[in-house]
Amino acid sequence: MVRKLAYTVSEREHWISAAGGLVGMLAVWWISALVLDSQGAVLVATSMGSTAVMLFAAPHGPMSQPWPLVGGHLVSALTGVACAHWLGGEPMLAASLA
């Protein structure tokens, strides 16, 4: 069953959100590809996908505010670095455990 949501968003805002997400994801992938190998760039780009959706599709949502975004990425980055350090140079295994 399909029903209309209580709030409405204009068609223009949908396109702006989609374009912003696309440009943001392409920028993240491009910078990651310059710094990392192809597997690492894909891992970084996919982890940023949810952030792009939150920022551009729901910018006023509680999880789209600066502290949850920065804090979430900081905690996950520290966890990933700790796993990589603990495993001794196995980035794919460290990424899957983090």
C-alpha atoms as a PDB file:
ATOM      1  CA  MET A   1       0.000   0.000   0.000  1.00  0.00           C
ATOM      2  CA  VAL A   2       1.404   3.387  -0.964  1.00  0.00           C
ATOM      3  CA  ARG A   3       0.523   6.479   0.987  1.00  0.00           C
ATOM      4  CA  LYS A   4       1.713  10.040   0.858  1.00  0.00           C
ATOM      5  CA  LEU A   5       4.154  11.270   3.492  1.00  0.00           C
ATOM      6  CA  ALA A   6       3.115  14.020   5.888  1.00  0.00           C
ATOM      7  CA  TYR A   7       5.723  16.420   4.511  1.00  0.00           C
ATOM      8  CA  THR A   8       6.431  17.234   0.912  1.00  0.00           C
ATOM      9  CA  VAL A   9       9.677  18.031  -0.817  1.00  0.00           C
ATOM     10  CA  SER A  10       9.753  19.787  -4.146  1.00  0.00           C
ATOM     11  CA  GLU A  11      11.009  18.091  -7.286  1.00  0.00           C
ATOM     12  CA  ARG A  12      13.791  20.691  -7.467  1.00  0.00           C
ATOM     13  CA  GLU A  13      14.982  19.780  -3.975  1.00  0.00           C
ATOM     14  CA  HIS A  14      15.053  16.092  -4.928  1.00  0.00           C
ATOM     15  CA  TRP A  15      17.324  16.862  -7.877  1.00  0.00           C
ATOM     16  CA  ILE A  16      19.574  19.144  -5.818  1.00  0.00           C
ATOM     17  CA  SER A  17      19.927  16.395  -3.187  1.00  0.00           C
ATOM     18  CA  ALA A  18      20.745  13.795  -5.826  1.00  0.00           C
ATOM     19  CA  ALA A  19      23.271  16.055  -7.559  1.00  0.00           C
ATOM     20  CA  GLY A  20      24.912  16.988  -4.253  1.00  0.00           C
ATOM     21  CA  GLY A  21      25.227  13.341  -3.255  1.00  0.00           C
ATOM     22  CA  LEU A  22      26.651  12.396  -6.644  1.00  0.00           C
ATOM     23  CA  VAL A  23      29.223  15.201  -6.654  1.00  0.00           C
ATOM     24  CA  GLY A  24      30.191  14.455  -3.048  1.00  0.00           C
ATOM     25  CA  MET A  25      30.628  10.738  -3.694  1.00  0.00           C
ATOM     26  CA  LEU A  26      32.637  11.346  -6.866  1.00  0.00           C
ATOM     27  CA  ALA A  27      34.922  13.749  -4.987  1.00  0.00           C
ATOM     28  CA  VAL A  28      35.479  11.231  -2.179  1.00  0.00           C
ATOM     29  CA  TRP A  29      36.163   8.430  -4.653  1.00  0.00           C
ATOM     30  CA  TRP A  30      38.541  10.574  -6.744  1.00  0.00           C
ATOM     31  CA  ILE A  31      40.589  11.738  -3.736  1.00  0.00           C
ATOM     32  CA  SER A  32      40.640   8.194  -2.323  1.00  0.00           C
ATOM     33  CA  ALA A  33      41.791   6.781  -5.669  1.00  0.00           C
ATOM     34  CA  LEU A  34      44.700   9.240  -5.686  1.00  0.00           C
ATOM     35  CA  VAL A  35      45.825   8.229  -2.199  1.00  0.00           C
ATOM     36  CA  LEU A  36      44.818   4.561  -1.907  1.00  0.00           C
ATOM     37  CA  ASP A  37      44.743   1.515  -4.153  1.00  0.00           C
ATOM     38  CA  SER A  38      41.525   0.629  -5.973  1.00  0.00           C
ATOM     39  CA  GLN A  39      40.221  -1.673  -3.209  1.00  0.00           C
ATOM     40  CA  GLY A  40      40.838   0.923  -0.523  1.00  0.00           C
ATOM     41  CA  ALA A  41      39.175   3.646  -2.586  1.00  0.00           C
ATOM     42  CA  VAL A  42      36.054   1.512  -2.973  1.00  0.00           C
ATOM     43  CA  LEU A  43      35.931   0.840   0.772  1.00  0.00           C
ATOM     44  CA  VAL A  44      36.238   4.533   1.601  1.00  0.00           C
ATOM     45  CA  ALA A  45      33.689   5.581  -1.023  1.00  0.00           C
ATOM     46  CA  THR A  46      31.113   3.044   0.132  1.00  0.00           C
ATOM     47  CA  SER A  47      31.478   4.061   3.764  1.00  0.00           C
ATOM     48  CA  MET A  48      30.801   7.668   2.778  1.00  0.00           C
ATOM     49  CA  GLY A  49      27.589   6.763   0.916  1.00  0.00           C
ATOM     50  CA  SER A  50      25.387   6.869   3.997  1.00  0.00           C
ATOM     51  CA  THR A  51      26.923  10.181   4.997  1.00  0.00           C
ATOM     52  CA  ALA A  52      26.107  11.655   1.598  1.00  0.00           C
ATOM     53  CA  VAL A  53      22.509  10.462   1.873  1.00  0.00           C
ATOM     54  CA  MET A  54      22.151  11.943   5.354  1.00  0.00           C
ATOM     55  CA  LEU A  55      23.718  15.276   4.426  1.00  0.00           C
ATOM     56  CA  PHE A  56      21.950  15.879   1.148  1.00  0.00           C
ATOM     57  CA  ALA A  57      18.609  14.082   1.565  1.00  0.00           C
ATOM     58  CA  ALA A  58      17.912  14.828   5.244  1.00  0.00           C
ATOM     59  CA  PRO A  59      20.075  17.818   6.201  1.00  0.00           C
ATOM     60  CA  HIS A  60      17.944  18.766   9.217  1.00  0.00           C
ATOM     61  CA  GLY A  61      17.718  15.273  10.672  1.00  0.00           C
ATOM     62  CA  PRO A  62      19.258  14.573  14.078  1.00  0.00           C
ATOM     63  CA  MET A  63      21.909  12.237  12.647  1.00  0.00           C
ATOM     64  CA  SER A  64      22.890  14.795   9.979  1.00  0.00           C
ATOM     65  CA  GLN A  65      24.163  17.302  12.499  1.00  0.00           C
ATOM     66  CA  PRO A  66      27.920  17.928  12.806  1.00  0.00           C
ATOM     67  CA  TRP A  67      28.597  16.099  16.067  1.00  0.00           C
ATOM     68  CA  PRO A  68      27.059  12.710  15.112  1.00  0.00           C
ATOM     69  CA  LEU A  69      28.715  12.806  11.678  1.00  0.00           C
ATOM     70  CA  VAL A  70      32.181  13.795  12.873  1.00  0.00           C
ATOM     71  CA  GLY A  71      31.959  11.653  15.999  1.00  0.00           C
ATOM     72  CA  GLY A  72      30.811   8.611  14.044  1.00  0.00           C
ATOM     73  CA  HIS A  73      33.597   8.908  11.513  1.00  0.00           C
ATOM     74  CA  LEU A  74      36.171   9.564  14.230  1.00  0.00           C
ATOM     75  CA  VAL A  75      35.157   6.500  16.253  1.00  0.00           C
ATOM     76  CA  SER A  76      35.085   4.272  13.170  1.00  0.00           C
ATOM     77  CA  ALA A  77      38.447   5.607  11.951  1.00  0.00           C
ATOM     78  CA  LEU A  78      40.077   4.980  15.326  1.00  0.00           C
ATOM     79  CA  THR A  79      38.588   1.485  15.418  1.00  0.00           C
ATOM     80  CA  GLY A  80      39.872   0.765  11.906  1.00  0.00           C
ATOM     81  CA  VAL A  81      43.367   2.030  12.700  1.00  0.00           C
ATOM     82  CA  ALA A  82      43.436  -0.017  15.912  1.00  0.00           C
ATOM     83  CA  CYS A  83      42.367  -3.154  14.011  1.00  0.00           C
ATOM     84  CA  ALA A  84      44.977  -2.526  11.306  1.00  0.00           C
ATOM     85  CA  HIS A  85      47.682  -1.986  13.923  1.00  0.00           C
ATOM     86  CA  TRP A  86      46.610  -5.076  15.854  1.00  0.00           C
ATOM     87  CA  LEU A  87      46.504  -7.285  12.731  1.00  0.00           C
ATOM     88  CA  GLY A  88      49.815  -6.001  11.380  1.00  0.00           C
ATOM     89  CA  GLY A  89      49.209  -4.865   7.838  1.00  0.00           C
ATOM     90  CA  GLU A  90      46.113  -6.716   6.643  1.00  0.00           C
ATOM     91  CA  PRO A  91      43.916  -3.777   5.565  1.00  0.00           C
ATOM     92  CA  MET A  92      41.066  -5.839   4.099  1.00  0.00           C
ATOM     93  CA  LEU A  93      40.760  -7.933   7.262  1.00  0.00           C
ATOM     94  CA  ALA A  94      41.064  -4.820   9.438  1.00  0.00           C
ATOM     95  CA  ALA A  95      38.349  -3.058   7.428  1.00  0.00           C
ATOM     96  CA  SER A  96      36.009  -6.013   7.760  1.00  0.00           C
ATOM     97  CA  LEU A  97      36.563  -6.250  11.518  1.00  0.00           C
ATOM     98  CA  ALA A  98      36.252  -2.521  12.137  1.00  0.00           C
END
